[in-house]
Amino acid sequence: MTDITEGQAAPAFDLPTDGDGRVTLDGLKGKSVILYFYPKADTPGCTTEGLDFSVLTDRFAAAGAVVIGVSRDAVKKLDRFKAKHDLRIILGSDEDGAVCEAYGTWIMKKLYGREYMGVERATFLIDGAGLVRHVWRNVKVKGHAEQVLEATRTL
């Protein structure tokens, strides 16, 4: 597992997105990037997190930031997820798991005594120069988007 720490250069990424788009870290130079990883589109916690970030989209934009949610779901599933819940954030598809690996969010998880590999709910705040400024691991959804917004405003 990669251990991303504050102050280091953020690993580059190039992801297909909802709406047949692409998003790259290089393409966002000069903007703050909130890169949040979530386990699976259209599940309760992931939906709540997407909605919470969506509600604050204008405030993130006012702070010079872009919010990108990343999961291992296929683009078609992300399109349906975004449309169903009217999400206002970019959703990136990391089907092969390369970006999850680079950010250390592909981890061993346990559920009812069963171990399996899955995506850790984690968020990375990257500044306009591409440096990781804040890392949240094992995220609890309630209040998280507001916490990230406050940290973004300090950049």
N, C-alpha and C. Protein backbone atom coordinates (compact mmCIF):
# COMPACT_ATOMS: atom_id res chain seq x y z
N MET A 1 0.84 -1.19 0.00
CA MET A 1 0.00 0.00 0.00
C MET A 1 0.87 1.24 0.00
N THR A 2 0.53 2.17 -0.83
CA THR A 2 1.21 3.45 -0.90
C THR A 2 0.73 4.31 0.25
N ASP A 3 1.67 4.99 0.91
CA ASP A 3 1.28 5.88 2.00
C ASP A 3 1.49 7.31 1.55
N ILE A 4 0.42 7.98 1.20
CA ILE A 4 0.48 9.36 0.75
C ILE A 4 0.49 10.25 1.98
N THR A 5 1.47 11.15 2.04
CA THR A 5 1.56 12.03 3.20
C THR A 5 1.46 13.49 2.77
N GLU A 6 1.07 14.31 3.71
CA GLU A 6 0.93 15.74 3.44
C GLU A 6 2.28 16.34 3.08
N GLY A 7 2.28 17.19 2.05
CA GLY A 7 3.49 17.85 1.60
C GLY A 7 4.15 17.18 0.41
N GLN A 8 3.78 15.95 0.11
CA GLN A 8 4.39 15.28 -1.04
C GLN A 8 3.60 15.58 -2.31
N ALA A 9 4.24 15.35 -3.45
CA ALA A 9 3.57 15.55 -4.73
C ALA A 9 2.48 14.50 -4.88
N ALA A 10 1.32 14.94 -5.33
CA ALA A 10 0.21 14.01 -5.54
C ALA A 10 0.51 13.13 -6.75
N PRO A 11 0.19 11.84 -6.66
CA PRO A 11 0.37 10.98 -7.83
C PRO A 11 -0.51 11.48 -8.99
N ALA A 12 0.05 11.47 -10.19
CA ALA A 12 -0.69 11.89 -11.37
C ALA A 12 -1.85 10.93 -11.60
N PHE A 13 -2.91 11.43 -12.20
CA PHE A 13 -4.02 10.57 -12.60
C PHE A 13 -4.60 11.06 -13.91
N ASP A 14 -5.20 10.13 -14.63
CA ASP A 14 -5.88 10.39 -15.89
C ASP A 14 -7.04 9.41 -15.92
N LEU A 15 -8.25 9.92 -15.68
CA LEU A 15 -9.41 9.06 -15.54
C LEU A 15 -10.53 9.42 -16.52
N PRO A 16 -11.20 8.38 -17.05
CA PRO A 16 -12.43 8.66 -17.77
C PRO A 16 -13.49 9.08 -16.75
N THR A 17 -14.39 9.96 -17.15
CA THR A 17 -15.41 10.47 -16.23
C THR A 17 -16.81 10.26 -16.78
N ASP A 18 -17.76 10.56 -15.92
CA ASP A 18 -19.15 10.57 -16.35
C ASP A 18 -19.26 11.51 -17.55
N GLY A 19 -20.26 11.29 -18.38
CA GLY A 19 -20.47 12.17 -19.54
C GLY A 19 -19.40 12.04 -20.61
N ASP A 20 -18.72 10.90 -20.66
CA ASP A 20 -17.67 10.65 -21.66
C ASP A 20 -16.54 11.66 -21.61
N GLY A 21 -16.21 12.15 -20.42
CA GLY A 21 -15.10 13.09 -20.27
C GLY A 21 -13.83 12.41 -19.80
N ARG A 22 -12.83 13.24 -19.54
CA ARG A 22 -11.57 12.78 -18.94
C ARG A 22 -11.14 13.86 -17.97
N VAL A 23 -10.47 13.44 -16.91
CA VAL A 23 -9.92 14.40 -15.96
C VAL A 23 -8.50 13.95 -15.61
N THR A 24 -7.57 14.94 -15.62
CA THR A 24 -6.19 14.65 -15.26
C THR A 24 -5.74 15.66 -14.21
N LEU A 25 -4.79 15.25 -13.40
CA LEU A 25 -4.23 16.18 -12.42
C LEU A 25 -3.53 17.33 -13.14
N ASP A 26 -2.79 17.02 -14.20
CA ASP A 26 -2.09 18.07 -14.96
C ASP A 26 -3.07 19.10 -15.51
N GLY A 27 -4.24 18.65 -15.94
CA GLY A 27 -5.23 19.55 -16.50
C GLY A 27 -5.87 20.48 -15.49
N LEU A 28 -5.62 20.23 -14.21
CA LEU A 28 -6.21 21.04 -13.14
C LEU A 28 -5.18 21.92 -12.43
N LYS A 29 -3.99 22.03 -13.01
CA LYS A 29 -2.95 22.87 -12.40
C LYS A 29 -3.50 24.26 -12.09
N GLY A 30 -3.15 24.78 -10.93
CA GLY A 30 -3.60 26.10 -10.53
C GLY A 30 -4.88 26.07 -9.71
N LYS A 31 -5.58 24.93 -9.72
CA LYS A 31 -6.79 24.78 -8.91
C LYS A 31 -6.52 23.80 -7.79
N SER A 32 -7.23 23.97 -6.69
CA SER A 32 -7.20 22.95 -5.65
C SER A 32 -8.08 21.80 -6.11
N VAL A 33 -7.68 20.59 -5.77
CA VAL A 33 -8.41 19.40 -6.17
C VAL A 33 -8.79 18.61 -4.92
N ILE A 34 -10.06 18.31 -4.80
CA ILE A 34 -10.52 17.40 -3.75
C ILE A 34 -10.76 16.09 -4.46
N LEU A 35 -9.90 15.12 -4.17
CA LEU A 35 -9.99 13.79 -4.78
C LEU A 35 -10.49 12.87 -3.68
N TYR A 36 -11.75 12.45 -3.80
CA TYR A 36 -12.26 11.56 -2.76
C TYR A 36 -12.59 10.20 -3.35
N PHE A 37 -12.22 9.17 -2.62
CA PHE A 37 -12.41 7.79 -3.04
C PHE A 37 -13.58 7.20 -2.26
N TYR A 38 -14.45 6.50 -2.98
CA TYR A 38 -15.60 5.88 -2.33
C TYR A 38 -15.77 4.46 -2.88
N PRO A 39 -16.32 3.55 -2.06
CA PRO A 39 -16.37 2.14 -2.45
C PRO A 39 -17.24 1.80 -3.66
N LYS A 40 -18.49 2.32 -3.73
CA LYS A 40 -19.38 1.83 -4.79
C LYS A 40 -20.51 2.82 -5.04
N ALA A 41 -20.68 3.18 -6.29
CA ALA A 41 -21.75 4.10 -6.68
C ALA A 41 -23.12 3.56 -6.30
N ASP A 42 -23.99 4.47 -5.90
CA ASP A 42 -25.39 4.19 -5.62
C ASP A 42 -25.62 3.29 -4.41
N THR A 43 -24.70 3.30 -3.47
CA THR A 43 -24.91 2.66 -2.18
C THR A 43 -25.18 3.78 -1.17
N PRO A 44 -25.78 3.48 -0.03
CA PRO A 44 -26.22 4.57 0.87
C PRO A 44 -25.14 5.57 1.28
N GLY A 45 -24.02 5.11 1.82
CA GLY A 45 -22.98 6.04 2.27
C GLY A 45 -22.36 6.81 1.12
N CYS A 46 -22.15 6.14 0.01
CA CYS A 46 -21.53 6.79 -1.16
C CYS A 46 -22.47 7.82 -1.78
N THR A 47 -23.77 7.52 -1.76
CA THR A 47 -24.75 8.48 -2.27
C THR A 47 -24.79 9.71 -1.37
N THR A 48 -24.83 9.50 -0.06
CA THR A 48 -24.84 10.63 0.88
C THR A 48 -23.60 11.50 0.68
N GLU A 49 -22.44 10.87 0.55
CA GLU A 49 -21.20 11.63 0.37
C GLU A 49 -21.24 12.43 -0.93
N GLY A 50 -21.70 11.82 -2.01
CA GLY A 50 -21.81 12.52 -3.29
C GLY A 50 -22.76 13.70 -3.21
N LEU A 51 -23.89 13.50 -2.54
CA LEU A 51 -24.86 14.59 -2.36
C LEU A 51 -24.28 15.72 -1.50
N ASP A 52 -23.58 15.35 -0.43
CA ASP A 52 -22.98 16.36 0.46
C ASP A 52 -21.96 17.23 -0.29
N PHE A 53 -21.11 16.59 -1.11
CA PHE A 53 -20.15 17.37 -1.89
C PHE A 53 -20.87 18.20 -2.95
N SER A 54 -21.93 17.65 -3.56
CA SER A 54 -22.67 18.36 -4.60
C SER A 54 -23.33 19.63 -4.07
N VAL A 55 -23.90 19.56 -2.88
CA VAL A 55 -24.55 20.73 -2.27
C VAL A 55 -23.56 21.87 -2.11
N LEU A 56 -22.29 21.53 -1.88
CA LEU A 56 -21.26 22.55 -1.63
C LEU A 56 -20.44 22.91 -2.87
N THR A 57 -20.85 22.43 -4.04
CA THR A 57 -20.08 22.64 -5.27
C THR A 57 -19.75 24.11 -5.50
N ASP A 58 -20.73 24.98 -5.37
CA ASP A 58 -20.50 26.41 -5.62
C ASP A 58 -19.50 26.99 -4.62
N ARG A 59 -19.56 26.54 -3.38
CA ARG A 59 -18.62 27.04 -2.37
C ARG A 59 -17.20 26.53 -2.62
N PHE A 60 -17.10 25.27 -3.09
CA PHE A 60 -15.77 24.76 -3.47
C PHE A 60 -15.24 25.57 -4.65
N ALA A 61 -16.08 25.84 -5.64
CA ALA A 61 -15.66 26.62 -6.81
C ALA A 61 -15.21 28.02 -6.39
N ALA A 62 -15.92 28.63 -5.44
CA ALA A 62 -15.54 29.96 -4.95
C ALA A 62 -14.18 29.93 -4.26
N ALA A 63 -13.82 28.76 -3.72
CA ALA A 63 -12.51 28.59 -3.07
C ALA A 63 -11.45 28.13 -4.08
N GLY A 64 -11.81 28.10 -5.37
CA GLY A 64 -10.86 27.70 -6.42
C GLY A 64 -10.60 26.21 -6.48
N ALA A 65 -11.62 25.42 -6.09
CA ALA A 65 -11.42 23.96 -6.00
C ALA A 65 -12.40 23.20 -6.88
N VAL A 66 -11.94 22.03 -7.30
CA VAL A 66 -12.74 21.09 -8.08
C VAL A 66 -12.86 19.81 -7.26
N VAL A 67 -14.07 19.24 -7.22
CA VAL A 67 -14.30 18.00 -6.48
C VAL A 67 -14.45 16.84 -7.47
N ILE A 68 -13.68 15.78 -7.22
CA ILE A 68 -13.72 14.59 -8.06
C ILE A 68 -13.91 13.37 -7.16
N GLY A 69 -14.99 12.64 -7.40
CA GLY A 69 -15.22 11.38 -6.70
C GLY A 69 -14.69 10.24 -7.54
N VAL A 70 -13.95 9.31 -6.93
CA VAL A 70 -13.33 8.21 -7.66
C VAL A 70 -13.78 6.87 -7.08
N SER A 71 -14.24 5.99 -7.97
CA SER A 71 -14.56 4.62 -7.58
C SER A 71 -14.10 3.70 -8.70
N ARG A 72 -14.23 2.41 -8.47
CA ARG A 72 -13.84 1.44 -9.50
C ARG A 72 -15.03 1.07 -10.39
N ASP A 73 -16.11 1.82 -10.28
CA ASP A 73 -17.28 1.57 -11.11
C ASP A 73 -17.02 1.98 -12.56
N ALA A 74 -17.72 1.31 -13.48
CA ALA A 74 -17.65 1.64 -14.90
C ALA A 74 -18.31 3.00 -15.16
N VAL A 75 -17.89 3.68 -16.22
CA VAL A 75 -18.42 5.00 -16.56
C VAL A 75 -19.94 4.97 -16.71
N LYS A 76 -20.50 3.95 -17.36
CA LYS A 76 -21.95 3.87 -17.54
C LYS A 76 -22.66 3.87 -16.18
N LYS A 77 -22.12 3.18 -15.20
CA LYS A 77 -22.73 3.16 -13.87
C LYS A 77 -22.62 4.55 -13.24
N LEU A 78 -21.49 5.23 -13.45
CA LEU A 78 -21.33 6.58 -12.90
C LEU A 78 -22.32 7.55 -13.55
N ASP A 79 -22.55 7.40 -14.85
CA ASP A 79 -23.54 8.24 -15.54
C ASP A 79 -24.92 8.06 -14.91
N ARG A 80 -25.31 6.82 -14.65
CA ARG A 80 -26.62 6.55 -14.04
C ARG A 80 -26.69 7.11 -12.62
N PHE A 81 -25.62 6.91 -11.86
CA PHE A 81 -25.53 7.39 -10.47
C PHE A 81 -25.67 8.91 -10.42
N LYS A 82 -24.94 9.59 -11.30
CA LYS A 82 -24.97 11.05 -11.33
C LYS A 82 -26.36 11.57 -11.71
N ALA A 83 -26.97 10.97 -12.73
CA ALA A 83 -28.28 11.40 -13.19
C ALA A 83 -29.36 11.12 -12.14
N LYS A 84 -29.32 9.95 -11.54
CA LYS A 84 -30.33 9.55 -10.57
C LYS A 84 -30.38 10.49 -9.37
N HIS A 85 -29.20 10.96 -8.93
CA HIS A 85 -29.13 11.78 -7.71
C HIS A 85 -28.80 13.24 -8.01
N ASP A 86 -28.75 13.61 -9.29
CA ASP A 86 -28.46 14.98 -9.70
C ASP A 86 -27.17 15.50 -9.06
N LEU A 87 -26.13 14.67 -9.11
CA LEU A 87 -24.84 15.05 -8.51
C LEU A 87 -24.17 16.12 -9.36
N ARG A 88 -23.50 17.05 -8.71
CA ARG A 88 -22.87 18.18 -9.40
C ARG A 88 -21.35 18.12 -9.35
N ILE A 89 -20.81 16.96 -9.13
CA ILE A 89 -19.36 16.78 -9.03
C ILE A 89 -18.90 15.90 -10.20
N ILE A 90 -17.61 15.87 -10.42
CA ILE A 90 -17.03 14.99 -11.43
C ILE A 90 -16.89 13.61 -10.81
N LEU A 91 -17.28 12.58 -11.56
CA LEU A 91 -17.10 11.21 -11.10
C LEU A 91 -16.10 10.51 -12.02
N GLY A 92 -14.99 10.05 -11.45
CA GLY A 92 -13.96 9.38 -12.21
C GLY A 92 -14.03 7.87 -12.05
N SER A 93 -13.84 7.17 -13.16
CA SER A 93 -13.87 5.71 -13.17
C SER A 93 -12.45 5.15 -13.16
N ASP A 94 -12.14 4.42 -12.11
CA ASP A 94 -10.82 3.79 -11.97
C ASP A 94 -11.00 2.27 -12.03
N GLU A 95 -11.56 1.79 -13.15
CA GLU A 95 -11.90 0.37 -13.26
C GLU A 95 -10.70 -0.55 -13.03
N ASP A 96 -9.52 -0.17 -13.50
CA ASP A 96 -8.37 -1.06 -13.32
C ASP A 96 -7.70 -0.88 -11.96
N GLY A 97 -8.14 0.11 -11.19
CA GLY A 97 -7.62 0.30 -9.84
C GLY A 97 -6.27 0.98 -9.73
N ALA A 98 -5.71 1.46 -10.83
CA ALA A 98 -4.37 2.06 -10.81
C ALA A 98 -4.31 3.30 -9.93
N VAL A 99 -5.35 4.14 -9.97
CA VAL A 99 -5.34 5.37 -9.17
C VAL A 99 -5.57 5.02 -7.70
N CYS A 100 -6.45 4.07 -7.44
CA CYS A 100 -6.65 3.61 -6.05
C CYS A 100 -5.32 3.08 -5.49
N GLU A 101 -4.60 2.31 -6.28
CA GLU A 101 -3.30 1.79 -5.85
C GLU A 101 -2.32 2.94 -5.58
N ALA A 102 -2.27 3.90 -6.50
CA ALA A 102 -1.33 5.02 -6.36
C ALA A 102 -1.58 5.84 -5.10
N TYR A 103 -2.86 5.93 -4.70
CA TYR A 103 -3.22 6.72 -3.52
C TYR A 103 -3.38 5.85 -2.27
N GLY A 104 -3.12 4.55 -2.40
CA GLY A 104 -3.17 3.66 -1.24
C GLY A 104 -4.57 3.42 -0.70
N THR A 105 -5.59 3.49 -1.57
CA THR A 105 -6.96 3.31 -1.09
C THR A 105 -7.53 1.93 -1.44
N TRP A 106 -6.76 1.07 -2.10
CA TRP A 106 -7.18 -0.30 -2.38
C TRP A 106 -6.63 -1.15 -1.24
N ILE A 107 -7.50 -1.51 -0.31
CA ILE A 107 -7.04 -2.10 0.95
C ILE A 107 -7.81 -3.38 1.29
N MET A 108 -7.27 -4.13 2.25
CA MET A 108 -7.96 -5.29 2.80
C MET A 108 -9.03 -4.77 3.76
N LYS A 109 -10.25 -5.24 3.59
CA LYS A 109 -11.37 -4.83 4.44
C LYS A 109 -11.98 -6.08 5.06
N LYS A 110 -12.75 -5.85 6.11
CA LYS A 110 -13.46 -6.95 6.78
C LYS A 110 -14.92 -6.60 6.91
N LEU A 111 -15.77 -7.59 6.65
CA LEU A 111 -17.21 -7.42 6.84
C LEU A 111 -17.76 -8.75 7.31
N TYR A 112 -18.36 -8.75 8.47
CA TYR A 112 -18.93 -9.98 9.05
C TYR A 112 -17.90 -11.11 9.06
N GLY A 113 -16.66 -10.78 9.43
CA GLY A 113 -15.60 -11.78 9.54
C GLY A 113 -14.97 -12.19 8.22
N ARG A 114 -15.48 -11.69 7.12
CA ARG A 114 -14.94 -12.03 5.80
C ARG A 114 -13.95 -10.95 5.38
N GLU A 115 -12.81 -11.35 4.89
CA GLU A 115 -11.82 -10.39 4.39
C GLU A 115 -11.91 -10.31 2.88
N TYR A 116 -11.76 -9.09 2.36
CA TYR A 116 -11.80 -8.88 0.91
C TYR A 116 -11.10 -7.56 0.61
N MET A 117 -10.70 -7.40 -0.65
CA MET A 117 -10.08 -6.15 -1.08
C MET A 117 -11.18 -5.19 -1.51
N GLY A 118 -11.02 -3.92 -1.11
CA GLY A 118 -12.01 -2.92 -1.47
C GLY A 118 -11.43 -1.52 -1.38
N VAL A 119 -12.22 -0.55 -1.78
CA VAL A 119 -11.79 0.85 -1.78
C VAL A 119 -12.04 1.46 -0.40
N GLU A 120 -10.99 2.02 0.17
CA GLU A 120 -11.12 2.75 1.43
C GLU A 120 -11.74 4.11 1.15
N ARG A 121 -12.69 4.52 1.99
CA ARG A 121 -13.25 5.86 1.87
C ARG A 121 -12.18 6.83 2.38
N ALA A 122 -11.61 7.60 1.47
CA ALA A 122 -10.51 8.51 1.82
C ALA A 122 -10.59 9.74 0.92
N THR A 123 -10.06 10.86 1.42
CA THR A 123 -10.08 12.12 0.67
C THR A 123 -8.70 12.76 0.72
N PHE A 124 -8.31 13.33 -0.41
CA PHE A 124 -7.02 14.01 -0.53
C PHE A 124 -7.28 15.42 -1.04
N LEU A 125 -6.74 16.40 -0.33
CA LEU A 125 -6.82 17.80 -0.76
C LEU A 125 -5.47 18.14 -1.38
N ILE A 126 -5.51 18.48 -2.67
CA ILE A 126 -4.30 18.75 -3.44
C ILE A 126 -4.32 20.22 -3.83
N ASP A 127 -3.22 20.92 -3.60
CA ASP A 127 -3.19 22.35 -3.93
C ASP A 127 -2.91 22.57 -5.42
N GLY A 128 -2.94 23.83 -5.83
CA GLY A 128 -2.78 24.19 -7.24
C GLY A 128 -1.43 23.83 -7.83
N ALA A 129 -0.44 23.59 -6.95
CA ALA A 129 0.89 23.19 -7.41
C ALA A 129 1.05 21.67 -7.47
N GLY A 130 -0.03 20.94 -7.09
CA GLY A 130 0.03 19.48 -7.15
C GLY A 130 0.55 18.81 -5.90
N LEU A 131 0.60 19.55 -4.78
CA LEU A 131 1.06 18.97 -3.52
C LEU A 131 -0.12 18.55 -2.66
N VAL A 132 0.01 17.41 -2.00
CA VAL A 132 -1.03 16.95 -1.08
C VAL A 132 -0.96 17.81 0.17
N ARG A 133 -2.05 18.47 0.48
CA ARG A 133 -2.08 19.38 1.64
C ARG A 133 -2.79 18.78 2.84
N HIS A 134 -3.71 17.85 2.58
CA HIS A 134 -4.43 17.22 3.68
C HIS A 134 -4.91 15.84 3.25
N VAL A 135 -4.86 14.88 4.18
CA VAL A 135 -5.31 13.53 3.91
C VAL A 135 -6.30 13.11 4.99
N TRP A 136 -7.45 12.62 4.55
CA TRP A 136 -8.43 12.04 5.47
C TRP A 136 -8.57 10.58 5.11
N ARG A 137 -8.33 9.69 6.05
CA ARG A 137 -8.47 8.25 5.83
C ARG A 137 -9.64 7.73 6.65
N ASN A 138 -10.19 6.59 6.24
CA ASN A 138 -11.28 5.98 7.00
C ASN A 138 -12.39 6.98 7.28
N VAL A 139 -12.78 7.71 6.28
CA VAL A 139 -13.72 8.83 6.40
C VAL A 139 -15.08 8.37 6.91
N LYS A 140 -15.62 9.13 7.84
CA LYS A 140 -17.01 9.01 8.25
C LYS A 140 -17.76 10.08 7.46
N VAL A 141 -18.82 9.71 6.77
CA VAL A 141 -19.48 10.59 5.81
C VAL A 141 -20.08 11.84 6.45
N LYS A 142 -20.75 11.69 7.58
CA LYS A 142 -21.47 12.81 8.19
C LYS A 142 -20.52 13.97 8.51
N GLY A 143 -20.78 15.13 7.89
CA GLY A 143 -19.99 16.33 8.14
C GLY A 143 -18.66 16.40 7.39
N HIS A 144 -18.33 15.36 6.65
CA HIS A 144 -17.01 15.32 5.99
C HIS A 144 -16.84 16.39 4.92
N ALA A 145 -17.84 16.57 4.05
CA ALA A 145 -17.72 17.55 2.96
C ALA A 145 -17.47 18.95 3.53
N GLU A 146 -18.16 19.30 4.62
CA GLU A 146 -17.97 20.61 5.24
C GLU A 146 -16.55 20.74 5.81
N GLN A 147 -16.06 19.66 6.40
CA GLN A 147 -14.69 19.65 6.94
C GLN A 147 -13.67 19.88 5.82
N VAL A 148 -13.88 19.24 4.69
CA VAL A 148 -12.97 19.40 3.55
C VAL A 148 -13.05 20.82 3.01
N LEU A 149 -14.25 21.38 2.95
CA LEU A 149 -14.41 22.77 2.49
C LEU A 149 -13.64 23.72 3.38
N GLU A 150 -13.74 23.56 4.68
CA GLU A 150 -13.00 24.43 5.61
C GLU A 150 -11.49 24.34 5.37
N ALA A 151 -10.98 23.13 5.19
CA ALA A 151 -9.54 22.95 4.92
C ALA A 151 -9.16 23.57 3.59
N THR A 152 -10.04 23.50 2.60
CA THR A 152 -9.78 24.07 1.28
C THR A 152 -9.64 25.59 1.37
N ARG A 153 -10.45 26.18 2.18
CA ARG A 153 -10.43 27.64 2.33
C ARG A 153 -9.13 28.16 2.95
N THR A 154 -8.36 27.29 3.60
CA THR A 154 -7.11 27.73 4.23
C THR A 154 -5.93 27.69 3.27
N LEU A 155 -6.14 27.18 2.06
CA LEU A 155 -5.02 27.10 1.09
C LEU A 155 -4.73 28.46 0.48
